[in-house]
Amino acid sequence: MANIKSAKKRIKVIAKKTLRNKMIKSGTKTAIKKVISAVESGVKENAISAYRNAASAIDKATTKGVYHKNTAARRKSRLAKMVNKVGA
């Protein structure tokens, strides 16, 4: 356990940031799962709307520093590929 006042504060701050990042990641993962389930159902309109929500969530997470920009691009690209295969 930390003895120095600034170290104690850092522990508190890190705990808050970890919780915030966890919430953002959880929401993003849920949005991604919704896209996958919509793709599996085979209804293109639902898949497209779910993809838009997921892409938005991924972009917001990137803006807040939870995901690296290349990670976000990769995830969105993979989801877009899945959605595009639904109609074909």
N, C-alpha and C. Protein backbone atom coordinates (compact mmCIF):
# COMPACT_ATOMS: atom_id res chain seq x y z
N MET A 1 0.85 -1.19 0.00
CA MET A 1 0.00 0.00 0.00
C MET A 1 0.89 1.24 0.00
N ALA A 2 0.43 2.25 -0.71
CA ALA A 2 1.21 3.48 -0.83
C ALA A 2 1.17 4.29 0.46
N ASN A 3 2.29 4.93 0.78
CA ASN A 3 2.37 5.80 1.95
C ASN A 3 2.34 7.27 1.58
N ILE A 4 2.80 7.59 0.39
CA ILE A 4 2.89 8.98 -0.04
C ILE A 4 1.53 9.46 -0.52
N LYS A 5 1.20 10.70 -0.18
CA LYS A 5 -0.11 11.25 -0.49
C LYS A 5 -0.41 11.23 -1.99
N SER A 6 0.55 11.62 -2.81
CA SER A 6 0.34 11.66 -4.26
C SER A 6 0.14 10.25 -4.82
N ALA A 7 0.82 9.27 -4.25
CA ALA A 7 0.66 7.89 -4.71
C ALA A 7 -0.74 7.37 -4.37
N LYS A 8 -1.24 7.75 -3.20
CA LYS A 8 -2.60 7.36 -2.81
C LYS A 8 -3.62 7.97 -3.77
N LYS A 9 -3.39 9.22 -4.15
CA LYS A 9 -4.29 9.89 -5.09
C LYS A 9 -4.24 9.20 -6.45
N ARG A 10 -3.05 8.85 -6.90
CA ARG A 10 -2.92 8.18 -8.19
C ARG A 10 -3.70 6.87 -8.20
N ILE A 11 -3.68 6.15 -7.10
CA ILE A 11 -4.43 4.89 -7.01
C ILE A 11 -5.92 5.15 -7.20
N LYS A 12 -6.42 6.20 -6.55
CA LYS A 12 -7.84 6.55 -6.69
C LYS A 12 -8.18 6.95 -8.13
N VAL A 13 -7.33 7.78 -8.73
CA VAL A 13 -7.57 8.27 -10.09
C VAL A 13 -7.54 7.12 -11.08
N ILE A 14 -6.57 6.23 -10.92
CA ILE A 14 -6.45 5.09 -11.82
C ILE A 14 -7.68 4.18 -11.70
N ALA A 15 -8.17 4.01 -10.49
CA ALA A 15 -9.37 3.18 -10.29
C ALA A 15 -10.57 3.78 -11.03
N LYS A 16 -10.73 5.09 -10.95
CA LYS A 16 -11.82 5.77 -11.66
C LYS A 16 -11.69 5.60 -13.17
N LYS A 17 -10.47 5.82 -13.67
CA LYS A 17 -10.25 5.73 -15.12
C LYS A 17 -10.45 4.30 -15.61
N THR A 18 -10.02 3.32 -14.81
CA THR A 18 -10.19 1.92 -15.18
C THR A 18 -11.66 1.58 -15.28
N LEU A 19 -12.45 2.06 -14.33
CA LEU A 19 -13.89 1.81 -14.35
C LEU A 19 -14.54 2.45 -15.57
N ARG A 20 -14.14 3.68 -15.89
CA ARG A 20 -14.68 4.38 -17.06
C ARG A 20 -14.34 3.63 -18.34
N ASN A 21 -13.08 3.21 -18.47
CA ASN A 21 -12.67 2.47 -19.66
C ASN A 21 -13.41 1.15 -19.78
N LYS A 22 -13.62 0.50 -18.65
CA LYS A 22 -14.33 -0.78 -18.64
C LYS A 22 -15.76 -0.60 -19.12
N MET A 23 -16.42 0.47 -18.69
CA MET A 23 -17.79 0.74 -19.09
C MET A 23 -17.86 1.01 -20.60
N ILE A 24 -16.93 1.78 -21.11
CA ILE A 24 -16.92 2.11 -22.53
C ILE A 24 -16.66 0.86 -23.36
N LYS A 25 -15.68 0.04 -22.95
CA LYS A 25 -15.37 -1.19 -23.68
C LYS A 25 -16.55 -2.15 -23.66
N SER A 26 -17.22 -2.23 -22.52
CA SER A 26 -18.36 -3.13 -22.39
C SER A 26 -19.48 -2.72 -23.35
N GLY A 27 -19.76 -1.43 -23.41
CA GLY A 27 -20.79 -0.93 -24.32
C GLY A 27 -20.44 -1.19 -25.77
N THR A 28 -19.17 -1.03 -26.09
CA THR A 28 -18.71 -1.27 -27.46
C THR A 28 -18.84 -2.75 -27.82
N LYS A 29 -18.45 -3.62 -26.91
CA LYS A 29 -18.56 -5.05 -27.15
C LYS A 29 -20.01 -5.48 -27.34
N THR A 30 -20.91 -4.89 -26.57
CA THR A 30 -22.33 -5.19 -26.71
C THR A 30 -22.83 -4.78 -28.09
N ALA A 31 -22.40 -3.60 -28.54
CA ALA A 31 -22.81 -3.12 -29.87
C ALA A 31 -22.28 -4.05 -30.96
N ILE A 32 -21.06 -4.53 -30.80
CA ILE A 32 -20.47 -5.46 -31.78
C ILE A 32 -21.24 -6.77 -31.80
N LYS A 33 -21.61 -7.27 -30.62
CA LYS A 33 -22.38 -8.52 -30.55
C LYS A 33 -23.74 -8.37 -31.22
N LYS A 34 -24.33 -7.18 -31.11
CA LYS A 34 -25.61 -6.94 -31.77
C LYS A 34 -25.47 -6.98 -33.28
N VAL A 35 -24.35 -6.48 -33.80
CA VAL A 35 -24.10 -6.54 -35.24
C VAL A 35 -23.98 -8.00 -35.66
N ILE A 36 -23.22 -8.77 -34.91
CA ILE A 36 -23.01 -10.18 -35.26
C ILE A 36 -24.32 -10.95 -35.26
N SER A 37 -25.16 -10.71 -34.25
CA SER A 37 -26.45 -11.41 -34.20
C SER A 37 -27.37 -10.97 -35.34
N ALA A 38 -27.31 -9.68 -35.71
CA ALA A 38 -28.12 -9.19 -36.83
C ALA A 38 -27.65 -9.80 -38.14
N VAL A 39 -26.35 -9.97 -38.29
CA VAL A 39 -25.81 -10.59 -39.50
C VAL A 39 -26.24 -12.05 -39.57
N GLU A 40 -26.20 -12.74 -38.44
CA GLU A 40 -26.59 -14.15 -38.40
C GLU A 40 -28.07 -14.34 -38.68
N SER A 41 -28.89 -13.34 -38.32
CA SER A 41 -30.32 -13.44 -38.58
C SER A 41 -30.61 -13.29 -40.08
N GLY A 42 -29.74 -12.59 -40.80
CA GLY A 42 -29.86 -12.48 -42.25
C GLY A 42 -30.67 -11.30 -42.74
N VAL A 43 -31.11 -10.41 -41.85
CA VAL A 43 -31.87 -9.23 -42.26
C VAL A 43 -30.89 -8.07 -42.43
N LYS A 44 -30.73 -7.64 -43.69
CA LYS A 44 -29.70 -6.63 -44.00
C LYS A 44 -29.97 -5.28 -43.34
N GLU A 45 -31.24 -4.85 -43.29
CA GLU A 45 -31.57 -3.54 -42.70
C GLU A 45 -31.17 -3.50 -41.23
N ASN A 46 -31.49 -4.57 -40.51
CA ASN A 46 -31.12 -4.62 -39.09
C ASN A 46 -29.60 -4.62 -38.92
N ALA A 47 -28.93 -5.35 -39.79
CA ALA A 47 -27.47 -5.43 -39.71
C ALA A 47 -26.84 -4.05 -39.97
N ILE A 48 -27.39 -3.33 -40.93
CA ILE A 48 -26.84 -2.01 -41.26
C ILE A 48 -27.04 -1.03 -40.10
N SER A 49 -28.24 -1.02 -39.52
CA SER A 49 -28.48 -0.10 -38.40
C SER A 49 -27.65 -0.47 -37.18
N ALA A 50 -27.48 -1.77 -36.93
CA ALA A 50 -26.64 -2.21 -35.82
C ALA A 50 -25.18 -1.83 -36.08
N TYR A 51 -24.75 -1.92 -37.34
CA TYR A 51 -23.37 -1.55 -37.69
C TYR A 51 -23.14 -0.06 -37.44
N ARG A 52 -24.11 0.77 -37.82
CA ARG A 52 -23.96 2.22 -37.60
C ARG A 52 -23.78 2.53 -36.12
N ASN A 53 -24.60 1.87 -35.27
CA ASN A 53 -24.48 2.09 -33.82
C ASN A 53 -23.12 1.62 -33.31
N ALA A 54 -22.68 0.46 -33.80
CA ALA A 54 -21.40 -0.08 -33.35
C ALA A 54 -20.24 0.80 -33.80
N ALA A 55 -20.28 1.27 -35.04
CA ALA A 55 -19.22 2.14 -35.55
C ALA A 55 -19.16 3.43 -34.74
N SER A 56 -20.32 3.95 -34.39
CA SER A 56 -20.36 5.16 -33.57
C SER A 56 -19.75 4.90 -32.20
N ALA A 57 -20.09 3.77 -31.59
CA ALA A 57 -19.56 3.43 -30.27
C ALA A 57 -18.04 3.24 -30.34
N ILE A 58 -17.57 2.60 -31.39
CA ILE A 58 -16.13 2.39 -31.56
C ILE A 58 -15.41 3.73 -31.74
N ASP A 59 -15.99 4.62 -32.54
CA ASP A 59 -15.39 5.94 -32.75
C ASP A 59 -15.33 6.75 -31.46
N LYS A 60 -16.40 6.68 -30.67
CA LYS A 60 -16.41 7.41 -29.40
C LYS A 60 -15.35 6.86 -28.45
N ALA A 61 -15.21 5.52 -28.43
CA ALA A 61 -14.19 4.91 -27.58
C ALA A 61 -12.79 5.34 -28.02
N THR A 62 -12.60 5.47 -29.33
CA THR A 62 -11.31 5.91 -29.86
C THR A 62 -11.03 7.35 -29.46
N THR A 63 -12.05 8.19 -29.56
CA THR A 63 -11.90 9.60 -29.20
C THR A 63 -11.52 9.75 -27.72
N LYS A 64 -12.07 8.88 -26.88
CA LYS A 64 -11.80 8.95 -25.44
C LYS A 64 -10.51 8.24 -25.05
N GLY A 65 -9.83 7.65 -26.03
CA GLY A 65 -8.54 7.05 -25.75
C GLY A 65 -8.59 5.62 -25.26
N VAL A 66 -9.74 4.97 -25.39
CA VAL A 66 -9.87 3.59 -24.94
C VAL A 66 -9.27 2.64 -25.97
N TYR A 67 -9.50 2.93 -27.25
CA TYR A 67 -8.95 2.12 -28.34
C TYR A 67 -7.96 2.95 -29.14
N HIS A 68 -6.95 2.31 -29.68
CA HIS A 68 -6.04 2.94 -30.63
C HIS A 68 -6.78 3.09 -31.96
N LYS A 69 -6.41 4.09 -32.74
CA LYS A 69 -7.14 4.36 -33.98
C LYS A 69 -7.07 3.20 -34.96
N ASN A 70 -5.95 2.49 -35.01
CA ASN A 70 -5.84 1.35 -35.92
C ASN A 70 -6.69 0.18 -35.46
N THR A 71 -6.80 -0.01 -34.16
CA THR A 71 -7.66 -1.06 -33.62
C THR A 71 -9.11 -0.77 -33.98
N ALA A 72 -9.49 0.48 -33.83
CA ALA A 72 -10.86 0.88 -34.17
C ALA A 72 -11.14 0.65 -35.65
N ALA A 73 -10.19 1.03 -36.50
CA ALA A 73 -10.36 0.85 -37.94
C ALA A 73 -10.48 -0.62 -38.29
N ARG A 74 -9.68 -1.46 -37.66
CA ARG A 74 -9.72 -2.90 -37.92
C ARG A 74 -11.06 -3.50 -37.52
N ARG A 75 -11.55 -3.13 -36.35
CA ARG A 75 -12.83 -3.65 -35.87
C ARG A 75 -13.98 -3.22 -36.79
N LYS A 76 -13.98 -1.94 -37.17
CA LYS A 76 -15.04 -1.44 -38.05
C LYS A 76 -14.97 -2.11 -39.41
N SER A 77 -13.77 -2.33 -39.91
CA SER A 77 -13.60 -2.96 -41.21
C SER A 77 -14.13 -4.39 -41.19
N ARG A 78 -13.82 -5.13 -40.16
CA ARG A 78 -14.29 -6.52 -40.07
C ARG A 78 -15.80 -6.59 -39.96
N LEU A 79 -16.38 -5.67 -39.20
CA LEU A 79 -17.84 -5.63 -39.07
C LEU A 79 -18.48 -5.27 -40.41
N ALA A 80 -17.88 -4.30 -41.11
CA ALA A 80 -18.42 -3.88 -42.41
C ALA A 80 -18.39 -5.03 -43.41
N LYS A 81 -17.33 -5.81 -43.39
CA LYS A 81 -17.24 -6.97 -44.28
C LYS A 81 -18.37 -7.95 -43.99
N MET A 82 -18.62 -8.19 -42.71
CA MET A 82 -19.70 -9.12 -42.33
C MET A 82 -21.05 -8.61 -42.80
N VAL A 83 -21.29 -7.31 -42.62
CA VAL A 83 -22.57 -6.72 -43.00
C VAL A 83 -22.74 -6.77 -44.52
N ASN A 84 -21.67 -6.51 -45.26
CA ASN A 84 -21.76 -6.52 -46.73
C ASN A 84 -22.02 -7.91 -47.29
N LYS A 85 -21.63 -8.94 -46.59
CA LYS A 85 -21.87 -10.31 -47.06
C LYS A 85 -23.32 -10.76 -46.86
N VAL A 86 -24.08 -10.05 -46.05
CA VAL A 86 -25.46 -10.45 -45.76
C VAL A 86 -26.31 -10.45 -47.02
N GLY A 87 -26.24 -9.41 -47.81
CA GLY A 87 -27.09 -9.30 -49.00
C GLY A 87 -26.63 -10.16 -50.16
N ALA A 88 -25.36 -10.51 -50.17
CA ALA A 88 -24.79 -11.23 -51.31
C ALA A 88 -25.13 -12.72 -51.35
